[in-house]
Amino acid sequence: LKGVNTLRHEITVTLLNHLAKPITIEVRERLPVTKDDEKKIQVEESGCEPNWEPYEPEDERLKGGRKWLVDLEPGVERKLIGAYTITIPSGDELVGGNRRE
């Protein structure tokens, strides 16, 4: 009714520790960002498991960065899921198309 398309995106990463000792893994991801003056396009995080945190490296400018820090015991597998939605006017289309595979 509002004349918008809501596009849901989900990122899934599976980790498995093949080592004989516990490890900590940092997984980085980047969410799409809009221009500062862009008001008609919105990007919103819509849940992730486990929670991620903002990632902003000191030596470079990065917008939309997120990271997971995960502790894995030997032989343990862990799935990371991050999700976000992009809301755009119904007449607009993302570069590459609105349907992603």
PDB file of N, CA and C in Angstrom:
ATOM      1  N   LEU A   1       0.803  -1.204   0.000  1.00  0.00           N
ATOM      2  CA  LEU A   1       0.000   0.000   0.000  1.00  0.00           C
ATOM      3  C   LEU A   1       0.843   1.265   0.000  1.00  0.00           C
ATOM      4  N   LYS A   2       2.052   1.160   0.522  1.00  0.00           N
ATOM      5  CA  LYS A   2       2.919   2.336   0.572  1.00  0.00           C
ATOM      6  C   LYS A   2       3.710   2.524  -0.715  1.00  0.00           C
ATOM      7  N   GLY A   3       3.613   1.579  -1.630  1.00  0.00           N
ATOM      8  CA  GLY A   3       4.381   1.683  -2.863  1.00  0.00           C
ATOM      9  C   GLY A   3       5.847   1.388  -2.676  1.00  0.00           C
ATOM     10  N   VAL A   4       6.172   0.403  -1.829  1.00  0.00           N
ATOM     11  CA  VAL A   4       7.560   0.045  -1.590  1.00  0.00           C
ATOM     12  C   VAL A   4       7.747  -1.464  -1.766  1.00  0.00           C
ATOM     13  N   ASN A   5       8.977  -1.847  -2.074  1.00  0.00           N
ATOM     14  CA  ASN A   5       9.386  -3.246  -2.080  1.00  0.00           C
ATOM     15  C   ASN A   5      10.288  -3.469  -0.880  1.00  0.00           C
ATOM     16  N   THR A   6      10.038  -4.547  -0.151  1.00  0.00           N
ATOM     17  CA  THR A   6      10.895  -4.916   0.974  1.00  0.00           C
ATOM     18  C   THR A   6      11.652  -6.173   0.576  1.00  0.00           C
ATOM     19  N   LEU A   7      12.971  -6.066   0.499  1.00  0.00           N
ATOM     20  CA  LEU A   7      13.826  -7.153   0.029  1.00  0.00           C
ATOM     21  C   LEU A   7      14.619  -7.707   1.211  1.00  0.00           C
ATOM     22  N   ARG A   8      14.364  -8.961   1.573  1.00  0.00           N
ATOM     23  CA  ARG A   8      15.048  -9.585   2.709  1.00  0.00           C
ATOM     24  C   ARG A   8      16.267 -10.356   2.206  1.00  0.00           C
ATOM     25  N   HIS A   9      17.370 -10.151   2.900  1.00  0.00           N
ATOM     26  CA  HIS A   9      18.621 -10.836   2.572  1.00  0.00           C
ATOM     27  C   HIS A   9      19.107 -11.579   3.802  1.00  0.00           C
ATOM     28  N   GLU A  10      19.619 -12.785   3.585  1.00  0.00           N
ATOM     29  CA  GLU A  10      20.153 -13.564   4.699  1.00  0.00           C
ATOM     30  C   GLU A  10      21.532 -14.091   4.334  1.00  0.00           C
ATOM     31  N   ILE A  11      22.450 -13.972   5.284  1.00  0.00           N
ATOM     32  CA  ILE A  11      23.818 -14.438   5.123  1.00  0.00           C
ATOM     33  C   ILE A  11      23.996 -15.607   6.071  1.00  0.00           C
ATOM     34  N   THR A  12      24.482 -16.740   5.565  1.00  0.00           N
ATOM     35  CA  THR A  12      24.734 -17.895   6.415  1.00  0.00           C
ATOM     36  C   THR A  12      26.179 -18.327   6.235  1.00  0.00           C
ATOM     37  N   VAL A  13      26.895 -18.465   7.351  1.00  0.00           N
ATOM     38  CA  VAL A  13      28.287 -18.917   7.346  1.00  0.00           C
ATOM     39  C   VAL A  13      28.375 -20.090   8.299  1.00  0.00           C
ATOM     40  N   THR A  14      28.964 -21.191   7.840  1.00  0.00           N
ATOM     41  CA  THR A  14      29.147 -22.355   8.697  1.00  0.00           C
ATOM     42  C   THR A  14      30.629 -22.502   9.014  1.00  0.00           C
ATOM     43  N   LEU A  15      30.946 -22.588  10.303  1.00  0.00           N
ATOM     44  CA  LEU A  15      32.322 -22.742  10.762  1.00  0.00           C
ATOM     45  C   LEU A  15      32.486 -24.130  11.375  1.00  0.00           C
ATOM     46  N   LEU A  16      33.652 -24.753  11.181  1.00  0.00           N
ATOM     47  CA  LEU A  16      33.952 -26.047  11.781  1.00  0.00           C
ATOM     48  C   LEU A  16      35.417 -26.056  12.188  1.00  0.00           C
ATOM     49  N   ASN A  17      35.682 -26.356  13.456  1.00  0.00           N
ATOM     50  CA  ASN A  17      37.045 -26.394  13.968  1.00  0.00           C
ATOM     51  C   ASN A  17      37.615 -27.797  13.790  1.00  0.00           C
ATOM     52  N   HIS A  18      38.570 -27.951  12.847  1.00  0.00           N
ATOM     53  CA  HIS A  18      39.241 -29.232  12.616  1.00  0.00           C
ATOM     54  C   HIS A  18      40.514 -29.365  13.442  1.00  0.00           C
ATOM     55  N   LEU A  19      40.853 -28.342  14.204  1.00  0.00           N
ATOM     56  CA  LEU A  19      42.077 -28.379  15.002  1.00  0.00           C
ATOM     57  C   LEU A  19      41.846 -29.141  16.310  1.00  0.00           C
ATOM     58  N   ALA A  20      42.937 -29.478  16.968  1.00  0.00           N
ATOM     59  CA  ALA A  20      42.856 -30.211  18.235  1.00  0.00           C
ATOM     60  C   ALA A  20      42.781 -29.270  19.432  1.00  0.00           C
ATOM     61  N   LYS A  21      42.679 -27.975  19.180  1.00  0.00           N
ATOM     62  CA  LYS A  21      42.617 -27.001  20.269  1.00  0.00           C
ATOM     63  C   LYS A  21      41.494 -26.009  20.023  1.00  0.00           C
ATOM     64  N   PRO A  22      41.017 -25.328  21.064  1.00  0.00           N
ATOM     65  CA  PRO A  22      39.989 -24.297  20.884  1.00  0.00           C
ATOM     66  C   PRO A  22      40.550 -23.115  20.089  1.00  0.00           C
ATOM     67  N   ILE A  23      39.685 -22.479  19.328  1.00  0.00           N
ATOM     68  CA  ILE A  23      40.094 -21.319  18.537  1.00  0.00           C
ATOM     69  C   ILE A  23      39.048 -20.220  18.647  1.00  0.00           C
ATOM     70  N   THR A  24      39.485 -19.000  18.332  1.00  0.00           N
ATOM     71  CA  THR A  24      38.570 -17.867  18.204  1.00  0.00           C
ATOM     72  C   THR A  24      38.661 -17.380  16.769  1.00  0.00           C
ATOM     73  N   ILE A  25      37.507 -17.245  16.136  1.00  0.00           N
ATOM     74  CA  ILE A  25      37.444 -16.831  14.730  1.00  0.00           C
ATOM     75  C   ILE A  25      36.688 -15.513  14.644  1.00  0.00           C
ATOM     76  N   GLU A  26      37.219 -14.593  13.838  1.00  0.00           N
ATOM     77  CA  GLU A  26      36.527 -13.343  13.561  1.00  0.00           C
ATOM     78  C   GLU A  26      36.022 -13.399  12.123  1.00  0.00           C
ATOM     79  N   VAL A  27      34.710 -13.246  11.959  1.00  0.00           N
ATOM     80  CA  VAL A  27      34.083 -13.249  10.637  1.00  0.00           C
ATOM     81  C   VAL A  27      33.540 -11.850  10.392  1.00  0.00           C
ATOM     82  N   ARG A  28      33.932 -11.258   9.274  1.00  0.00           N
ATOM     83  CA  ARG A  28      33.504  -9.897   8.944  1.00  0.00           C
ATOM     84  C   ARG A  28      32.527  -9.913   7.776  1.00  0.00           C
ATOM     85  N   GLU A  29      31.589  -9.004   7.845  1.00  0.00           N
ATOM     86  CA  GLU A  29      30.589  -8.847   6.791  1.00  0.00           C
ATOM     87  C   GLU A  29      30.356  -7.361   6.588  1.00  0.00           C
ATOM     88  N   ARG A  30      29.804  -7.005   5.461  1.00  0.00           N
ATOM     89  CA  ARG A  30      29.503  -5.601   5.180  1.00  0.00           C
ATOM     90  C   ARG A  30      28.075  -5.496   4.675  1.00  0.00           C
ATOM     91  N   LEU A  31      27.289  -4.679   5.346  1.00  0.00           N
ATOM     92  CA  LEU A  31      25.916  -4.431   4.926  1.00  0.00           C
ATOM     93  C   LEU A  31      25.888  -3.296   3.917  1.00  0.00           C
ATOM     94  N   PRO A  32      24.910  -3.295   3.026  1.00  0.00           N
ATOM     95  CA  PRO A  32      24.790  -2.165   2.102  1.00  0.00           C
ATOM     96  C   PRO A  32      24.509  -0.876   2.875  1.00  0.00           C
ATOM     97  N   VAL A  33      24.971   0.223   2.359  1.00  0.00           N
ATOM     98  CA  VAL A  33      24.722   1.522   2.983  1.00  0.00           C
ATOM     99  C   VAL A  33      24.126   2.459   1.938  1.00  0.00           C
ATOM    100  N   THR A  34      23.391   3.427   2.425  1.00  0.00           N
ATOM    101  CA  THR A  34      22.805   4.421   1.529  1.00  0.00           C
ATOM    102  C   THR A  34      23.621   5.703   1.616  1.00  0.00           C
ATOM    103  N   LYS A  35      23.432   6.570   0.653  1.00  0.00           N
ATOM    104  CA  LYS A  35      24.067   7.877   0.709  1.00  0.00           C
ATOM    105  C   LYS A  35      23.475   8.657   1.875  1.00  0.00           C
ATOM    106  N   ASP A  36      24.250   9.574   2.423  1.00  0.00           N
ATOM    107  CA  ASP A  36      23.799  10.343   3.582  1.00  0.00           C
ATOM    108  C   ASP A  36      22.502  11.102   3.322  1.00  0.00           C
ATOM    109  N   ASP A  37      22.300  11.562   2.083  1.00  0.00           N
ATOM    110  CA  ASP A  37      21.098  12.344   1.785  1.00  0.00           C
ATOM    111  C   ASP A  37      19.949  11.487   1.238  1.00  0.00           C
ATOM    112  N   GLU A  38      20.132  10.173   1.204  1.00  0.00           N
ATOM    113  CA  GLU A  38      19.109   9.261   0.676  1.00  0.00           C
ATOM    114  C   GLU A  38      18.059   8.979   1.742  1.00  0.00           C
ATOM    115  N   LYS A  39      16.832   9.364   1.462  1.00  0.00           N
ATOM    116  CA  LYS A  39      15.756   9.185   2.441  1.00  0.00           C
ATOM    117  C   LYS A  39      14.747   8.122   2.026  1.00  0.00           C
ATOM    118  N   LYS A  40      14.676   7.806   0.729  1.00  0.00           N
ATOM    119  CA  LYS A  40      13.642   6.879   0.295  1.00  0.00           C
ATOM    120  C   LYS A  40      14.085   5.411   0.303  1.00  0.00           C
ATOM    121  N   ILE A  41      15.363   5.150   0.537  1.00  0.00           N
ATOM    122  CA  ILE A  41      15.871   3.783   0.634  1.00  0.00           C
ATOM    123  C   ILE A  41      16.326   3.544   2.071  1.00  0.00           C
ATOM    124  N   GLN A  42      15.888   2.419   2.647  1.00  0.00           N
ATOM    125  CA  GLN A  42      16.255   2.098   4.028  1.00  0.00           C
ATOM    126  C   GLN A  42      16.878   0.712   4.084  1.00  0.00           C
ATOM    127  N   VAL A  43      17.923   0.581   4.902  1.00  0.00           N
ATOM    128  CA  VAL A  43      18.543  -0.715   5.171  1.00  0.00           C
ATOM    129  C   VAL A  43      18.446  -0.936   6.671  1.00  0.00           C
ATOM    130  N   GLU A  44      17.829  -2.035   7.059  1.00  0.00           N
ATOM    131  CA  GLU A  44      17.648  -2.329   8.484  1.00  0.00           C
ATOM    132  C   GLU A  44      18.073  -3.759   8.776  1.00  0.00           C
ATOM    133  N   GLU A  45      18.845  -3.914   9.843  1.00  0.00           N
ATOM    134  CA  GLU A  45      19.184  -5.257  10.306  1.00  0.00           C
ATOM    135  C   GLU A  45      17.908  -5.898  10.834  1.00  0.00           C
ATOM    136  N   SER A  46      17.704  -7.151  10.475  1.00  0.00           N
ATOM    137  CA  SER A  46      16.464  -7.800  10.890  1.00  0.00           C
ATOM    138  C   SER A  46      16.732  -9.108  11.622  1.00  0.00           C
ATOM    139  N   GLY A  47      17.802  -9.134  12.363  1.00  0.00           N
ATOM    140  CA  GLY A  47      18.089 -10.292  13.194  1.00  0.00           C
ATOM    141  C   GLY A  47      19.337 -11.032  12.755  1.00  0.00           C
ATOM    142  N   CYS A  48      20.077 -11.495  13.718  1.00  0.00           N
ATOM    143  CA  CYS A  48      21.234 -12.330  13.436  1.00  0.00           C
ATOM    144  C   CYS A  48      21.478 -13.240  14.640  1.00  0.00           C
ATOM    145  N   GLU A  49      22.120 -14.360  14.366  1.00  0.00           N
ATOM    146  CA  GLU A  49      22.383 -15.344  15.417  1.00  0.00           C
ATOM    147  C   GLU A  49      23.755 -15.940  15.216  1.00  0.00           C
ATOM    148  N   PRO A  50      24.682 -15.802  16.125  1.00  0.00           N
ATOM    149  CA  PRO A  50      24.605 -14.954  17.315  1.00  0.00           C
ATOM    150  C   PRO A  50      24.687 -13.481  16.917  1.00  0.00           C
ATOM    151  N   ASN A  51      24.515 -12.599  17.872  1.00  0.00           N
ATOM    152  CA  ASN A  51      24.564 -11.168  17.584  1.00  0.00           C
ATOM    153  C   ASN A  51      25.938 -10.781  17.049  1.00  0.00           C
ATOM    154  N   TRP A  52      25.936  -9.893  16.070  1.00  0.00           N
ATOM    155  CA  TRP A  52      27.196  -9.346  15.600  1.00  0.00           C
ATOM    156  C   TRP A  52      27.356  -7.951  16.144  1.00  0.00           C
ATOM    157  N   GLU A  53      28.513  -7.363  15.918  1.00  0.00           N
ATOM    158  CA  GLU A  53      28.785  -6.016  16.422  1.00  0.00           C
ATOM    159  C   GLU A  53      29.364  -5.176  15.296  1.00  0.00           C
ATOM    160  N   PRO A  54      29.295  -3.853  15.424  1.00  0.00           N
ATOM    161  CA  PRO A  54      29.869  -2.990  14.380  1.00  0.00           C
ATOM    162  C   PRO A  54      31.362  -3.248  14.224  1.00  0.00           C
ATOM    163  N   TYR A  55      31.836  -3.171  12.999  1.00  0.00           N
ATOM    164  CA  TYR A  55      33.260  -3.325  12.698  1.00  0.00           C
ATOM    165  C   TYR A  55      33.724  -2.086  11.955  1.00  0.00           C
ATOM    166  N   GLU A  56      34.613  -1.336  12.581  1.00  0.00           N
ATOM    167  CA  GLU A  56      35.138  -0.111  11.994  1.00  0.00           C
ATOM    168  C   GLU A  56      36.655  -0.117  12.150  1.00  0.00           C
ATOM    169  N   PRO A  57      37.391  -0.563  11.126  1.00  0.00           N
ATOM    170  CA  PRO A  57      38.849  -0.606  11.241  1.00  0.00           C
ATOM    171  C   PRO A  57      39.433   0.788  11.394  1.00  0.00           C
ATOM    172  N   GLU A  58      40.516   0.885  12.159  1.00  0.00           N
ATOM    173  CA  GLU A  58      41.144   2.190  12.423  1.00  0.00           C
ATOM    174  C   GLU A  58      41.849   2.756  11.196  1.00  0.00           C
ATOM    175  N   ASP A  59      42.385   1.883  10.343  1.00  0.00           N
ATOM    176  CA  ASP A  59      43.218   2.361   9.245  1.00  0.00           C
ATOM    177  C   ASP A  59      42.455   2.653   7.950  1.00  0.00           C
ATOM    178  N   GLU A  60      41.168   2.419   7.923  1.00  0.00           N
ATOM    179  CA  GLU A  60      40.399   2.724   6.713  1.00  0.00           C
ATOM    180  C   GLU A  60      38.965   3.075   7.066  1.00  0.00           C
ATOM    181  N   ARG A  61      38.291   3.725   6.151  1.00  0.00           N
ATOM    182  CA  ARG A  61      36.895   4.106   6.352  1.00  0.00           C
ATOM    183  C   ARG A  61      35.989   3.037   5.774  1.00  0.00           C
ATOM    184  N   LEU A  62      35.173   2.469   6.619  1.00  0.00           N
ATOM    185  CA  LEU A  62      34.270   1.413   6.183  1.00  0.00           C
ATOM    186  C   LEU A  62      32.896   1.670   6.759  1.00  0.00           C
ATOM    187  N   LYS A  63      31.914   1.749   5.894  1.00  0.00           N
ATOM    188  CA  LYS A  63      30.547   1.910   6.371  1.00  0.00           C
ATOM    189  C   LYS A  63      29.836   0.577   6.228  1.00  0.00           C
ATOM    190  N   GLY A  64      29.001   0.257   7.187  1.00  0.00           N
ATOM    191  CA  GLY A  64      28.221  -0.972   7.129  1.00  0.00           C
ATOM    192  C   GLY A  64      28.942  -2.204   7.606  1.00  0.00           C
ATOM    193  N   GLY A  65      30.129  -2.063   8.175  1.00  0.00           N
ATOM    194  CA  GLY A  65      30.901  -3.219   8.626  1.00  0.00           C
ATOM    195  C   GLY A  65      30.297  -3.863   9.867  1.00  0.00           C
ATOM    196  N   ARG A  66      30.276  -5.198   9.898  1.00  0.00           N
ATOM    197  CA  ARG A  66      29.822  -5.975  11.053  1.00  0.00           C
ATOM    198  C   ARG A  66      30.800  -7.115  11.253  1.00  0.00           C
ATOM    199  N   LYS A  67      30.858  -7.643  12.471  1.00  0.00           N
ATOM    200  CA  LYS A  67      31.724  -8.800  12.701  1.00  0.00           C
ATOM    201  C   LYS A  67      31.143  -9.694  13.784  1.00  0.00           C
ATOM    202  N   TRP A  68      31.487 -10.956  13.674  1.00  0.00           N
ATOM    203  CA  TRP A  68      31.216 -11.940  14.718  1.00  0.00           C
ATOM    204  C   TRP A  68      32.555 -12.362  15.293  1.00  0.00           C
ATOM    205  N   LEU A  69      32.643 -12.541  16.596  1.00  0.00           N
ATOM    206  CA  LEU A  69      33.778 -13.184  17.252  1.00  0.00           C
ATOM    207  C   LEU A  69      33.247 -14.480  17.840  1.00  0.00           C
ATOM    208  N   VAL A  70      33.774 -15.606  17.371  1.00  0.00           N
ATOM    209  CA  VAL A  70      33.219 -16.903  17.731  1.00  0.00           C
ATOM    210  C   VAL A  70      34.309 -17.786  18.319  1.00  0.00           C
ATOM    211  N   ASP A  71      34.049 -18.351  19.492  1.00  0.00           N
ATOM    212  CA  ASP A  71      34.934 -19.339  20.105  1.00  0.00           C
ATOM    213  C   ASP A  71      34.439 -20.724  19.718  1.00  0.00           C
ATOM    214  N   LEU A  72      35.355 -21.558  19.206  1.00  0.00           N
ATOM    215  CA  LEU A  72      34.994 -22.910  18.798  1.00  0.00           C
ATOM    216  C   LEU A  72      35.900 -23.929  19.475  1.00  0.00           C
ATOM    217  N   GLU A  73      35.295 -24.898  20.098  1.00  0.00           N
ATOM    218  CA  GLU A  73      36.039 -26.013  20.668  1.00  0.00           C
ATOM    219  C   GLU A  73      36.395 -26.991  19.545  1.00  0.00           C
ATOM    220  N   PRO A  74      37.367 -27.886  19.759  1.00  0.00           N
ATOM    221  CA  PRO A  74      37.734 -28.852  18.717  1.00  0.00           C
ATOM    222  C   PRO A  74      36.526 -29.685  18.266  1.00  0.00           C
ATOM    223  N   GLY A  75      36.383 -29.837  16.955  1.00  0.00           N
ATOM    224  CA  GLY A  75      35.321 -30.649  16.391  1.00  0.00           C
ATOM    225  C   GLY A  75      33.940 -30.014  16.400  1.00  0.00           C
ATOM    226  N   VAL A  76      33.816 -28.790  16.868  1.00  0.00           N
ATOM    227  CA  VAL A  76      32.512 -28.136  16.971  1.00  0.00           C
ATOM    228  C   VAL A  76      32.200 -27.376  15.679  1.00  0.00           C
ATOM    229  N   GLU A  77      30.946 -27.484  15.232  1.00  0.00           N
ATOM    230  CA  GLU A  77      30.463 -26.731  14.077  1.00  0.00           C
ATOM    231  C   GLU A  77      29.487 -25.672  14.567  1.00  0.00           C
ATOM    232  N   ARG A  78      29.560 -24.485  13.980  1.00  0.00           N
ATOM    233  CA  ARG A  78      28.675 -23.381  14.382  1.00  0.00           C
ATOM    234  C   ARG A  78      28.188 -22.663  13.145  1.00  0.00           C
ATOM    235  N   LYS A  79      26.908 -22.367  13.118  1.00  0.00           N
ATOM    236  CA  LYS A  79      26.319 -21.642  11.997  1.00  0.00           C
ATOM    237  C   LYS A  79      26.056 -20.205  12.429  1.00  0.00           C
ATOM    238  N   LEU A  80      26.470 -19.251  11.601  1.00  0.00           N
ATOM    239  CA  LEU A  80      26.233 -17.833  11.833  1.00  0.00           C
ATOM    240  C   LEU A  80      25.205 -17.358  10.815  1.00  0.00           C
ATOM    241  N   ILE A  81      24.204 -16.624  11.296  1.00  0.00           N
ATOM    242  CA  ILE A  81      23.169 -16.122  10.400  1.00  0.00           C
ATOM    243  C   ILE A  81      22.999 -14.625  10.622  1.00  0.00           C
ATOM    244  N   GLY A  82      23.104 -13.869   9.563  1.00  0.00           N
ATOM    245  CA  GLY A  82      22.864 -12.438   9.604  1.00  0.00           C
ATOM    246  C   GLY A  82      21.781 -12.096   8.599  1.00  0.00           C
ATOM    247  N   ALA A  83      20.887 -11.195   8.959  1.00  0.00           N
ATOM    248  CA  ALA A  83      19.800 -10.841   8.048  1.00  0.00           C
ATOM    249  C   ALA A  83      19.567  -9.341   8.071  1.00  0.00           C
ATOM    250  N   TYR A  84      19.145  -8.828   6.913  1.00  0.00           N
ATOM    251  CA  TYR A  84      18.795  -7.420   6.815  1.00  0.00           C
ATOM    252  C   TYR A  84      17.745  -7.265   5.725  1.00  0.00           C
ATOM    253  N   THR A  85      17.036  -6.164   5.788  1.00  0.00           N
ATOM    254  CA  THR A  85      16.040  -5.860   4.759  1.00  0.00           C
ATOM    255  C   THR A  85      16.380  -4.524   4.117  1.00  0.00           C
ATOM    256  N   ILE A  86      16.120  -4.443   2.832  1.00  0.00           N
ATOM    257  CA  ILE A  86      16.278  -3.201   2.083  1.00  0.00           C
ATOM    258  C   ILE A  86      14.876  -2.812   1.621  1.00  0.00           C
ATOM    259  N   THR A  87      14.453  -1.612   1.958  1.00  0.00           N
ATOM    260  CA  THR A  87      13.150  -1.112   1.539  1.00  0.00           C
ATOM    261  C   THR A  87      13.380  -0.015   0.504  1.00  0.00           C
ATOM    262  N   ILE A  88      12.827  -0.232  -0.691  1.00  0.00           N
ATOM    263  CA  ILE A  88      13.000   0.718  -1.790  1.00  0.00           C
ATOM    264  C   ILE A  88      11.632   1.055  -2.381  1.00  0.00           C
ATOM    265  N   PRO A  89      11.496   2.216  -3.025  1.00  0.00           N
ATOM    266  CA  PRO A  89      10.244   2.526  -3.712  1.00  0.00           C
ATOM    267  C   PRO A  89       9.957   1.464  -4.776  1.00  0.00           C
ATOM    268  N   SER A  90       8.690   1.157  -4.985  1.00  0.00           N
ATOM    269  CA  SER A  90       8.319   0.072  -5.897  1.00  0.00           C
ATOM    270  C   SER A  90       8.779   0.310  -7.334  1.00  0.00           C
ATOM    271  N   GLY A  91       9.006   1.541  -7.720  1.00  0.00           N
ATOM    272  CA  GLY A  91       9.467   1.832  -9.075  1.00  0.00           C
ATOM    273  C   GLY A  91      10.967   1.694  -9.255  1.00  0.00           C
ATOM    274  N   ASP A  92      11.725   1.509  -8.169  1.00  0.00           N
ATOM    275  CA  ASP A  92      13.181   1.414  -8.238  1.00  0.00           C
ATOM    276  C   ASP A  92      13.613  -0.053  -8.251  1.00  0.00           C
ATOM    277  N   GLU A  93      14.876  -0.257  -8.638  1.00  0.00           N
ATOM    278  CA  GLU A  93      15.433  -1.612  -8.665  1.00  0.00           C
ATOM    279  C   GLU A  93      16.882  -1.549  -8.212  1.00  0.00           C
ATOM    280  N   LEU A  94      17.337  -2.567  -7.472  1.00  0.00           N
ATOM    281  CA  LEU A  94      18.737  -2.659  -7.082  1.00  0.00           C
ATOM    282  C   LEU A  94      19.594  -2.967  -8.305  1.00  0.00           C
ATOM    283  N   VAL A  95      20.849  -2.513  -8.287  1.00  0.00           N
ATOM    284  CA  VAL A  95      21.763  -2.853  -9.370  1.00  0.00           C
ATOM    285  C   VAL A  95      21.903  -4.369  -9.398  1.00  0.00           C
ATOM    286  N   GLY A  96      21.711  -4.978 -10.529  1.00  0.00           N
ATOM    287  CA  GLY A  96      21.778  -6.433 -10.630  1.00  0.00           C
ATOM    288  C   GLY A  96      20.430  -7.116 -10.452  1.00  0.00           C
ATOM    289  N   GLY A  97      19.394  -6.359 -10.136  1.00  0.00           N
ATOM    290  CA  GLY A  97      18.060  -6.928  -9.998  1.00  0.00           C
ATOM    291  C   GLY A  97      17.636  -7.094  -8.556  1.00  0.00           C
ATOM    292  N   ASN A  98      16.344  -7.077  -8.328  1.00  0.00           N
ATOM    293  CA  ASN A  98      15.797  -7.215  -6.975  1.00  0.00           C
ATOM    294  C   ASN A  98      15.802  -8.666  -6.486  1.00  0.00           C
ATOM    295  N   ARG A  99      15.805  -9.620  -7.398  1.00  0.00           N
ATOM    296  CA  ARG A  99      15.815 -11.030  -7.003  1.00  0.00           C
ATOM    297  C   ARG A  99      17.252 -11.509  -6.962  1.00  0.00           C
ATOM    298  N   ARG A 100      17.695 -11.933  -5.795  1.00  0.00           N
ATOM    299  CA  ARG A 100      19.079 -12.411  -5.629  1.00  0.00           C
ATOM    300  C   ARG A 100      19.062 -13.903  -5.381  1.00  0.00           C
ATOM    301  N   GLU A 101      20.073 -14.607  -5.875  1.00  0.00           N
ATOM    302  CA  GLU A 101      20.171 -16.051  -5.652  1.00  0.00           C
ATOM    303  C   GLU A 101      21.437 -16.369  -4.934  1.00  0.00           C
TER     304      GLU A 101
END
